[in-house]
């Protein structure tokens, strides 16, 4: 059996005001070609099909058109919701799409109900309709789906409770999958099917990027790889960089199909072609996705911008490419952006580039804050965390009446850091909760 593991499409994304519709359509067309050329039996999309809970109509149309075209190749599709996806929006077409060999798992449901369990544990079939694997289809697990909040519970206790609840959910589904495998083994000449599991979360030790949103801030930062069940292959989503988890061959992120932030620009995007030989994982092969829209991050100064641009353009833009390079320029200069931008516009006008973002380098902005100079950063060059941190810099953390006069300077620093870190954690929790509620 042969499957394609993909995730984090983020259909409908707007990138600094630019639509990604053309890139996404080219990716989906390319994916259909791979299904045909490689004789793929099934596709697993491990979450974040859409970029927001209310994607534009063209993004929904892309999604449905892809499913319709996929049927020509007799290929099963498994769609898992991610943290960006709307549960209700994905679920509303679940029954209709089931007639098109598509299994949609929008949220975690009560596994004590057999019908719910059957929705999440089922067979993956080949082109002849013969069961070749059993899948534990697990989407993004929202904390409220598996735990109940308790008054007075510490952050550490919440983290342990959530991790244990996720482990137990995986285990329940894995045990059901083992039952299905045993039943099939008895009825089909002793053939034992492999078990595939999915997930949409951050595993311990992975490398993230700017476009990846924290989903369990304050409760669970990362899920340990040894807490996954002993499945033959675990197809993960949420992290946009393709990578193995815990130095294993069978637990993998495939990454996003297009760069979703400028710090992903140098990554080779891919889907994973996963082959099973009877009941064993055989090979995992990278299928490298073409770059449909070049983009780059350029760290430079006004003095070297022209030379650096020439080098960058000659490297990334071919003569037959009619697309302009989307550019993020990070300047080491300390001047006001309002003064720098007109100069940049003049310098780049003869190059095949489109500047989407201009900002001073992070180190420059931080140095200005530390030196307590007047900061003229614009919101475009700041993250949410940096906006909050700049506000924290304005605070006096300890009043005279709260300071232990016997404390050393280093002890006072530790107290300040502790209070500051607590506020930063609370801020992250609030942001994560607001964004999560908006996408429920």
Protein backbone atom coordinates (compact mmCIF):
# COMPACT_ATOMS: atom_id res chain seq x y z
CA UNK A 1 0.00 0.00 0.00
CA UNK A 2 1.13 3.53 -0.75
CA UNK A 3 -0.05 6.73 0.93
CA UNK A 4 0.83 10.40 0.75
CA UNK A 5 1.22 12.25 4.05
CA UNK A 6 0.61 15.99 3.79
CA UNK A 7 -0.58 18.73 6.13
CA UNK A 8 -0.88 22.45 6.84
CA UNK A 9 -2.22 23.60 3.50
CA UNK A 10 -3.62 26.81 5.00
CA UNK A 11 -5.89 27.41 2.02
CA UNK A 12 -7.07 31.02 1.94
CA UNK A 13 -3.98 32.50 3.55
CA UNK A 14 -3.26 36.17 2.89
CA UNK A 15 0.44 36.93 3.14
CA UNK A 16 1.05 40.61 3.92
CA UNK A 17 -1.96 41.40 1.76
CA UNK A 18 -1.06 38.93 -0.99
CA UNK A 19 -3.35 36.03 -1.92
CA UNK A 20 -1.80 32.56 -2.05
CA UNK A 21 -4.62 31.23 -4.26
CA UNK A 22 -2.44 30.70 -7.32
CA UNK A 23 0.26 28.85 -5.36
CA UNK A 24 -2.26 26.65 -3.61
CA UNK A 25 -4.01 25.76 -6.86
CA UNK A 26 -0.69 24.83 -8.45
CA UNK A 27 0.16 22.68 -5.43
CA UNK A 28 -3.16 20.84 -5.55
CA UNK A 29 -2.76 20.21 -9.29
CA UNK A 30 0.78 18.95 -8.66
CA UNK A 31 -0.52 16.68 -5.88
CA UNK A 32 -3.11 15.12 -8.19
CA UNK A 33 -0.33 14.41 -10.68
CA UNK A 34 1.66 12.63 -7.96
CA UNK A 35 -1.36 10.52 -7.03
CA UNK A 36 -1.70 9.40 -10.64
CA UNK A 37 1.99 8.92 -11.42
CA UNK A 38 2.83 7.14 -8.16
CA UNK A 39 -0.38 5.05 -8.00
CA UNK A 40 -1.22 6.35 -4.51
CA UNK A 41 -3.93 4.50 -2.58
CA UNK A 42 -4.69 7.15 0.05
CA UNK A 43 -3.87 10.70 1.14
CA UNK A 44 -3.73 11.79 4.78
CA UNK A 45 -4.04 15.54 5.44
CA UNK A 46 -2.92 15.99 9.05
CA UNK A 47 -4.69 19.24 9.89
CA UNK A 48 -4.93 22.93 8.99
CA UNK A 49 -6.62 22.53 5.66
CA UNK A 50 -7.67 26.18 5.91
CA UNK A 51 -5.85 29.19 7.32
CA UNK A 52 -8.80 30.53 9.29
CA UNK A 53 -12.13 29.36 10.66
CA UNK A 54 -13.89 31.47 8.01
CA UNK A 55 -11.92 30.87 4.81
CA UNK A 56 -12.80 32.80 1.65
CA UNK A 57 -15.17 31.10 -0.76
CA UNK A 58 -12.43 30.43 -3.33
CA UNK A 59 -10.51 28.41 -0.70
CA UNK A 60 -13.54 26.22 0.00
CA UNK A 61 -14.05 25.78 -3.72
CA UNK A 62 -10.42 24.63 -4.10
CA UNK A 63 -10.95 22.09 -1.33
CA UNK A 64 -14.13 20.62 -2.83
CA UNK A 65 -12.78 20.66 -6.39
CA UNK A 66 -9.68 18.78 -5.27
CA UNK A 67 -11.80 16.08 -3.61
CA UNK A 68 -13.95 15.79 -6.72
CA UNK A 69 -10.93 15.43 -9.04
CA UNK A 70 -9.26 12.94 -6.70
CA UNK A 71 -12.07 10.45 -7.31
CA UNK A 72 -10.80 9.85 -10.85
CA UNK A 73 -7.84 8.03 -9.33
CA UNK A 74 -9.81 5.87 -6.88
CA UNK A 75 -7.81 7.31 -3.99
CA UNK A 76 -9.12 7.45 -0.41
CA UNK A 77 -8.77 10.79 1.41
CA UNK A 78 -8.51 11.28 5.18
CA UNK A 79 -8.97 14.89 6.34
CA UNK A 80 -8.08 15.83 9.92
CA UNK A 81 -8.94 19.20 11.44
CA UNK A 82 -6.11 21.37 12.77
CA UNK A 83 -6.09 24.23 15.23
CA UNK A 84 -6.75 26.73 12.42
CA UNK A 85 -9.79 24.84 11.12
CA UNK A 86 -13.41 25.36 12.12
CA UNK A 87 -14.90 22.19 13.57
CA UNK A 88 -18.41 23.10 12.43
CA UNK A 89 -17.36 24.10 8.91
CA UNK A 90 -15.47 20.87 8.26
CA UNK A 91 -18.16 18.74 9.90
CA UNK A 92 -21.01 20.18 7.83
CA UNK A 93 -19.80 18.41 4.67
CA UNK A 94 -18.67 15.22 6.42
CA UNK A 95 -21.61 13.03 5.35
CA UNK A 96 -21.64 14.32 1.79
CA UNK A 97 -17.91 13.77 1.32
CA UNK A 98 -18.12 10.24 2.71
CA UNK A 99 -19.79 9.33 -0.59
CA UNK A 100 -16.59 10.48 -2.32
CA UNK A 101 -14.23 8.14 -0.42
CA UNK A 102 -13.35 10.95 1.98
CA UNK A 103 -13.22 10.60 5.76
CA UNK A 104 -13.46 13.93 7.59
CA UNK A 105 -12.56 13.96 11.28
CA UNK A 106 -13.35 17.44 12.57
CA UNK A 107 -12.98 16.95 16.30
CA UNK A 108 -12.40 14.48 19.11
CA UNK A 109 -15.62 12.79 20.22
CA UNK A 110 -16.63 10.56 23.12
CA UNK A 111 -14.95 7.23 22.40
CA UNK A 112 -17.25 5.39 24.82
CA UNK A 113 -19.88 5.59 22.05
CA UNK A 114 -19.17 2.90 19.46
CA UNK A 115 -20.33 5.04 16.51
CA UNK A 116 -17.86 7.76 17.49
CA UNK A 117 -15.09 5.21 17.81
CA UNK A 118 -15.84 3.87 14.32
CA UNK A 119 -15.53 7.41 12.94
CA UNK A 120 -11.98 7.66 14.26
CA UNK A 121 -10.69 4.10 13.76
CA UNK A 122 -11.28 2.57 10.33
CA UNK A 123 -9.61 0.78 7.43
CA UNK A 124 -7.51 2.37 4.72
CA UNK A 125 -8.18 0.57 1.45
CA UNK A 126 -6.21 0.18 -1.75
CA UNK A 127 -7.51 0.91 -5.23
CA UNK A 128 -9.18 -2.49 -5.35
CA UNK A 129 -11.16 -1.71 -2.19
CA UNK A 130 -9.21 -4.17 -0.04
CA UNK A 131 -8.25 -3.12 3.50
CA UNK A 132 -4.50 -2.54 3.72
CA UNK A 133 -4.13 -0.65 7.03
CA UNK A 134 -6.07 0.58 10.05
CA UNK A 135 -5.89 4.25 10.96
CA UNK A 136 -6.36 6.01 14.31
CA UNK A 137 -7.53 9.30 12.82
CA UNK A 138 -6.84 11.91 15.49
CA UNK A 139 -7.31 15.62 14.71
CA UNK A 140 -6.20 18.61 16.80
CA UNK A 141 -7.26 17.85 20.37
CA UNK A 142 -8.75 20.88 22.08
CA UNK A 143 -8.27 20.75 25.86
CA UNK A 144 -11.99 21.15 26.50
CA UNK A 145 -12.63 17.98 24.48
CA UNK A 146 -10.66 15.76 26.85
CA UNK A 147 -10.40 17.50 30.24
CA UNK A 148 -12.49 19.60 32.59
CA UNK A 149 -11.01 22.70 34.21
CA UNK A 150 -10.65 22.62 37.97
CA UNK A 151 -10.61 25.71 40.17
CA UNK A 152 -7.26 26.46 41.74
CA UNK A 153 -5.37 24.06 39.50
CA UNK A 154 -1.75 25.04 38.90
CA UNK A 155 -0.23 25.33 35.42
CA UNK A 156 1.92 22.28 36.13
CA UNK A 157 -1.11 20.21 37.14
CA UNK A 158 -3.00 21.35 34.03
CA UNK A 159 -0.06 20.33 31.87
CA UNK A 160 0.10 16.87 33.42
CA UNK A 161 -3.69 16.45 33.17
CA UNK A 162 -3.78 17.42 29.49
CA UNK A 163 -0.82 15.26 28.53
CA UNK A 164 -2.34 12.28 30.33
CA UNK A 165 -5.71 12.85 28.65
CA UNK A 166 -4.08 12.96 25.20
CA UNK A 167 -2.08 9.80 25.96
CA UNK A 168 -5.26 8.02 27.09
CA UNK A 169 -7.14 9.11 23.96
CA UNK A 170 -4.38 7.76 21.73
CA UNK A 171 -4.31 4.53 23.72
CA UNK A 172 -8.09 3.98 23.48
CA UNK A 173 -8.03 4.40 19.73
CA UNK A 174 -4.91 2.27 19.36
CA UNK A 175 -6.53 -0.57 21.33
CA UNK A 176 -9.57 -0.38 19.05
CA UNK A 177 -7.25 -0.49 16.04
CA UNK A 178 -5.57 -3.59 17.44
CA UNK A 179 -8.99 -5.25 17.73
CA UNK A 180 -9.75 -4.47 14.08
CA UNK A 181 -6.35 -5.83 13.05
CA UNK A 182 -6.98 -9.04 15.00
CA UNK A 183 -10.43 -9.46 13.43
CA UNK A 184 -9.00 -8.98 9.95
CA UNK A 185 -6.15 -11.38 10.67
CA UNK A 186 -8.62 -14.13 11.59
CA UNK A 187 -10.84 -13.59 8.57
CA UNK A 188 -8.21 -13.00 5.87
CA UNK A 189 -5.68 -15.83 5.85
CA UNK A 190 -3.65 -14.51 8.77
CA UNK A 191 -2.69 -11.19 7.14
CA UNK A 192 -1.88 -8.60 9.80
CA UNK A 193 -2.58 -4.98 8.84
CA UNK A 194 -0.26 -2.12 9.86
CA UNK A 195 -1.62 0.62 12.13
CA UNK A 196 -1.30 4.30 11.21
CA UNK A 197 -1.93 7.11 13.71
CA UNK A 198 -2.22 10.84 13.13
CA UNK A 199 -1.91 13.97 15.23
CA UNK A 200 -1.91 17.75 15.07
CA UNK A 201 0.33 19.01 17.86
CA UNK A 202 3.88 19.98 18.77
CA UNK A 203 6.11 17.04 19.58
CA UNK A 204 9.05 17.46 21.93
CA UNK A 205 12.28 18.62 20.32
CA UNK A 206 10.96 19.76 16.93
CA UNK A 207 12.05 22.88 15.04
CA UNK A 208 9.29 25.44 14.49
CA UNK A 209 8.92 28.60 12.39
CA UNK A 210 7.34 32.04 12.79
CA UNK A 211 4.03 30.99 11.24
CA UNK A 212 3.44 28.13 13.70
CA UNK A 213 1.06 29.16 16.45
CA UNK A 214 1.45 27.88 20.00
CA UNK A 215 -1.62 25.75 20.76
CA UNK A 216 -1.18 24.57 24.35
CA UNK A 217 0.54 27.58 25.93
CA UNK A 218 0.56 27.33 29.72
CA UNK A 219 -0.74 23.75 29.71
CA UNK A 220 1.30 21.60 27.35
CA UNK A 221 4.24 22.97 25.42
CA UNK A 222 5.27 19.77 23.67
CA UNK A 223 4.21 16.13 23.53
CA UNK A 224 6.95 13.53 24.18
CA UNK A 225 7.54 11.10 21.34
CA UNK A 226 7.58 8.10 23.69
CA UNK A 227 3.99 8.89 24.70
CA UNK A 228 2.66 7.99 21.25
CA UNK A 229 1.29 4.45 20.86
CA UNK A 230 3.30 1.76 19.06
CA UNK A 231 1.79 2.46 15.64
CA UNK A 232 3.67 1.50 12.50
CA UNK A 233 3.54 5.07 11.15
CA UNK A 234 2.48 8.34 12.81
CA UNK A 235 1.54 11.16 10.43
CA UNK A 236 1.77 14.51 12.19
CA UNK A 237 0.78 18.06 11.29
CA UNK A 238 1.06 21.57 12.79
CA UNK A 239 4.82 22.04 12.36
CA UNK A 240 5.62 23.58 8.98
CA UNK A 241 9.11 22.15 8.61
CA UNK A 242 9.43 18.52 7.51
CA UNK A 243 11.28 16.48 10.12
CA UNK A 244 11.51 13.23 12.02
CA UNK A 245 10.46 13.14 15.67
CA UNK A 246 12.81 11.78 18.31
CA UNK A 247 15.23 10.34 15.72
CA UNK A 248 12.58 7.84 14.67
CA UNK A 249 11.81 6.79 11.12
CA UNK A 250 8.08 6.27 11.64
CA UNK A 251 7.01 9.47 13.49
CA UNK A 252 7.15 12.39 11.07
CA UNK A 253 6.03 15.87 10.18
CA UNK A 254 5.71 16.44 6.45
CA UNK A 255 5.59 20.24 6.77
CA UNK A 256 3.51 22.74 4.85
CA UNK A 257 3.40 22.64 1.02
CA UNK A 258 4.29 26.32 0.61
CA UNK A 259 6.31 28.72 2.75
CA UNK A 260 3.89 30.39 5.17
CA UNK A 261 6.38 32.86 6.65
CA UNK A 262 9.60 34.41 5.43
CA UNK A 263 11.73 32.28 7.75
CA UNK A 264 10.47 29.22 5.85
CA UNK A 265 11.68 30.58 2.51
CA UNK A 266 14.82 28.43 2.35
CA UNK A 267 13.03 25.19 3.24
CA UNK A 268 12.45 22.58 0.56
CA UNK A 269 8.74 21.87 0.86
CA UNK A 270 7.53 18.31 0.38
CA UNK A 271 4.94 15.65 0.89
CA UNK A 272 5.91 12.21 2.15
CA UNK A 273 5.32 9.09 0.07
CA UNK A 274 4.88 6.25 2.57
CA UNK A 275 5.09 2.64 1.39
CA UNK A 276 4.01 -0.43 3.34
CA UNK A 277 5.17 -3.93 2.44
CA UNK A 278 2.44 -6.24 3.74
CA UNK A 279 2.20 -5.31 7.44
CA UNK A 280 5.48 -3.38 7.73
CA UNK A 281 6.55 0.17 7.01
CA UNK A 282 8.86 -0.15 4.02
CA UNK A 283 10.08 3.28 2.90
CA UNK A 284 9.34 6.97 3.37
CA UNK A 285 10.29 9.08 0.36
CA UNK A 286 10.36 12.87 0.04
CA UNK A 287 8.43 14.24 -2.93
CA UNK A 288 9.83 17.75 -3.30
CA UNK A 289 7.23 20.36 -4.22
CA UNK A 290 8.18 22.99 -6.82
CA UNK A 291 8.43 26.58 -5.63
CA UNK A 292 5.47 28.36 -7.18
CA UNK A 293 6.19 31.81 -5.71
CA UNK A 294 9.76 32.77 -4.79
CA UNK A 295 10.19 34.65 -1.53
CA UNK A 296 13.18 35.54 0.59
CA UNK A 297 14.39 37.30 3.70
CA UNK A 298 17.29 39.70 3.13
CA UNK A 299 19.35 40.98 6.06
CA UNK A 300 21.26 44.00 4.86
CA UNK A 301 21.99 47.70 5.26
CA UNK A 302 21.14 50.63 3.04
CA UNK A 303 24.77 50.79 1.92
CA UNK A 304 24.90 47.16 0.78
CA UNK A 305 21.27 46.70 -0.30
CA UNK A 306 21.92 47.10 -4.03
CA UNK A 307 24.77 44.59 -4.10
CA UNK A 308 22.94 42.12 -1.85
CA UNK A 309 19.84 42.33 -4.06
CA UNK A 310 21.85 41.57 -7.20
CA UNK A 311 23.27 38.45 -5.58
CA UNK A 312 19.90 37.33 -4.24
CA UNK A 313 18.00 37.85 -7.49
CA UNK A 314 20.63 36.06 -9.58
CA UNK A 315 20.37 33.09 -7.23
CA UNK A 316 16.59 32.81 -6.90
CA UNK A 317 15.09 34.19 -10.11
CA UNK A 318 15.58 32.38 -13.41
CA UNK A 319 15.26 34.09 -16.79
CA UNK A 320 12.04 32.22 -17.61
CA UNK A 321 10.37 33.11 -14.30
CA UNK A 322 7.88 35.93 -14.71
CA UNK A 323 7.05 36.10 -11.00
CA UNK A 324 8.55 38.82 -8.88
CA UNK A 325 10.43 37.82 -5.75
CA UNK A 326 8.47 38.61 -2.58
CA UNK A 327 10.91 40.17 -0.17
CA UNK A 328 11.29 40.79 3.56
CA UNK A 329 14.07 43.31 4.14
CA UNK A 330 15.64 43.43 7.60
CA UNK A 331 17.86 46.46 8.06
CA UNK A 332 20.73 46.85 10.49
CA UNK A 333 20.20 50.62 10.31
CA UNK A 334 18.78 52.37 13.39
CA UNK A 335 16.93 55.19 11.66
CA UNK A 336 13.16 55.64 11.52
CA UNK A 337 11.41 53.35 9.06
CA UNK A 338 9.49 56.32 7.71
CA UNK A 339 12.86 57.74 6.61
CA UNK A 340 14.28 54.45 5.36
CA UNK A 341 11.38 53.21 3.25
CA UNK A 342 11.54 55.88 0.50
CA UNK A 343 15.25 55.11 0.05
CA UNK A 344 14.51 51.39 -0.24
CA UNK A 345 11.79 52.02 -2.82
CA UNK A 346 14.29 53.91 -4.96
CA UNK A 347 16.99 51.25 -4.59
CA UNK A 348 14.78 48.26 -5.55
CA UNK A 349 12.80 49.80 -8.43
CA UNK A 350 15.00 48.21 -11.13
CA UNK A 351 14.90 44.71 -9.62
CA UNK A 352 12.22 42.01 -10.21
CA UNK A 353 11.17 42.13 -6.56
CA UNK A 354 8.15 43.19 -4.56
CA UNK A 355 8.96 44.33 -1.04
CA UNK A 356 6.23 43.08 1.29
CA UNK A 357 7.91 43.86 4.59
CA UNK A 358 10.57 46.27 5.80
CA UNK A 359 11.78 46.14 9.37
CA UNK A 360 14.83 46.77 11.43
CA UNK A 361 16.64 43.69 12.63
CA UNK A 362 15.38 42.29 15.91
CA UNK A 363 18.73 42.90 17.60
CA UNK A 364 18.53 46.59 16.66
CA UNK A 365 15.02 46.94 18.09
CA UNK A 366 16.03 45.16 21.29
CA UNK A 367 19.12 47.32 21.71
CA UNK A 368 17.00 50.45 21.41
CA UNK A 369 14.67 49.15 24.12
CA UNK A 370 17.52 48.14 26.44
CA UNK A 371 19.17 51.52 26.04
CA UNK A 372 15.78 53.12 26.77
CA UNK A 373 15.94 55.21 23.65
CA UNK A 374 12.73 56.42 22.09
CA UNK A 375 11.51 53.51 19.99
CA UNK A 376 9.68 54.18 16.75
CA UNK A 377 8.95 50.58 15.80
CA UNK A 378 5.88 50.04 13.67
CA UNK A 379 3.44 47.22 14.30
CA UNK A 380 4.50 45.64 11.00
CA UNK A 381 7.95 44.86 12.39
CA UNK A 382 6.75 43.57 15.77
CA UNK A 383 5.19 40.29 16.83
CA UNK A 384 2.42 40.18 19.44
CA UNK A 385 4.95 39.06 22.04
CA UNK A 386 7.31 41.91 21.16
CA UNK A 387 4.52 44.47 21.52
CA UNK A 388 3.74 43.12 24.99
CA UNK A 389 7.43 42.93 25.94
CA UNK A 390 7.97 46.56 24.95
CA UNK A 391 5.12 47.49 27.28
CA UNK A 392 6.69 45.47 30.10
CA UNK A 393 9.93 47.40 29.65
CA UNK A 394 8.12 50.52 30.83
CA UNK A 395 7.25 49.00 34.22
CA UNK A 396 9.09 49.37 37.52
CA UNK A 397 8.81 45.86 38.86
CA UNK A 398 9.49 46.20 42.58
CA UNK A 399 8.50 49.05 44.91
CA UNK A 400 10.75 49.89 47.86
CA UNK A 401 8.29 48.48 50.40
CA UNK A 402 8.29 45.06 48.73
CA UNK A 403 12.06 44.64 48.39
CA UNK A 404 13.93 42.53 50.93
CA UNK A 405 16.76 44.89 51.89
CA UNK A 406 19.07 41.95 52.49
CA UNK A 407 18.57 40.63 48.96
CA UNK A 408 21.52 40.73 46.61
CA UNK A 409 21.31 42.34 43.19
CA UNK A 410 21.20 38.91 41.56
CA UNK A 411 18.29 37.87 43.79
CA UNK A 412 16.37 41.01 42.85
CA UNK A 413 17.00 40.25 39.21
CA UNK A 414 15.58 36.78 39.71
CA UNK A 415 12.45 38.21 41.35
CA UNK A 416 11.96 40.62 38.47
CA UNK A 417 12.39 37.89 35.93
CA UNK A 418 9.93 35.64 37.74
CA UNK A 419 7.19 38.27 37.81
CA UNK A 420 7.85 39.23 34.21
CA UNK A 421 7.77 35.62 33.05
CA UNK A 422 4.47 35.08 34.84
CA UNK A 423 2.91 38.01 32.98
CA UNK A 424 4.35 36.81 29.68
CA UNK A 425 2.89 33.34 30.25
CA UNK A 426 -0.53 34.80 31.12
CA UNK A 427 -0.39 36.94 27.98
CA UNK A 428 0.43 33.90 25.82
CA UNK A 429 -2.41 31.94 27.43
CA UNK A 430 -4.87 34.75 26.74
CA UNK A 431 -3.81 35.14 23.10
CA UNK A 432 -3.95 31.38 22.53
CA UNK A 433 -7.41 31.15 24.10
CA UNK A 434 -8.80 34.07 22.07
CA UNK A 435 -7.46 32.64 18.81
CA UNK A 436 -8.66 29.14 19.67
CA UNK A 437 -12.18 30.35 20.47
CA UNK A 438 -12.27 32.23 17.19
CA UNK A 439 -11.53 29.03 15.28
CA UNK A 440 -13.84 26.66 17.15
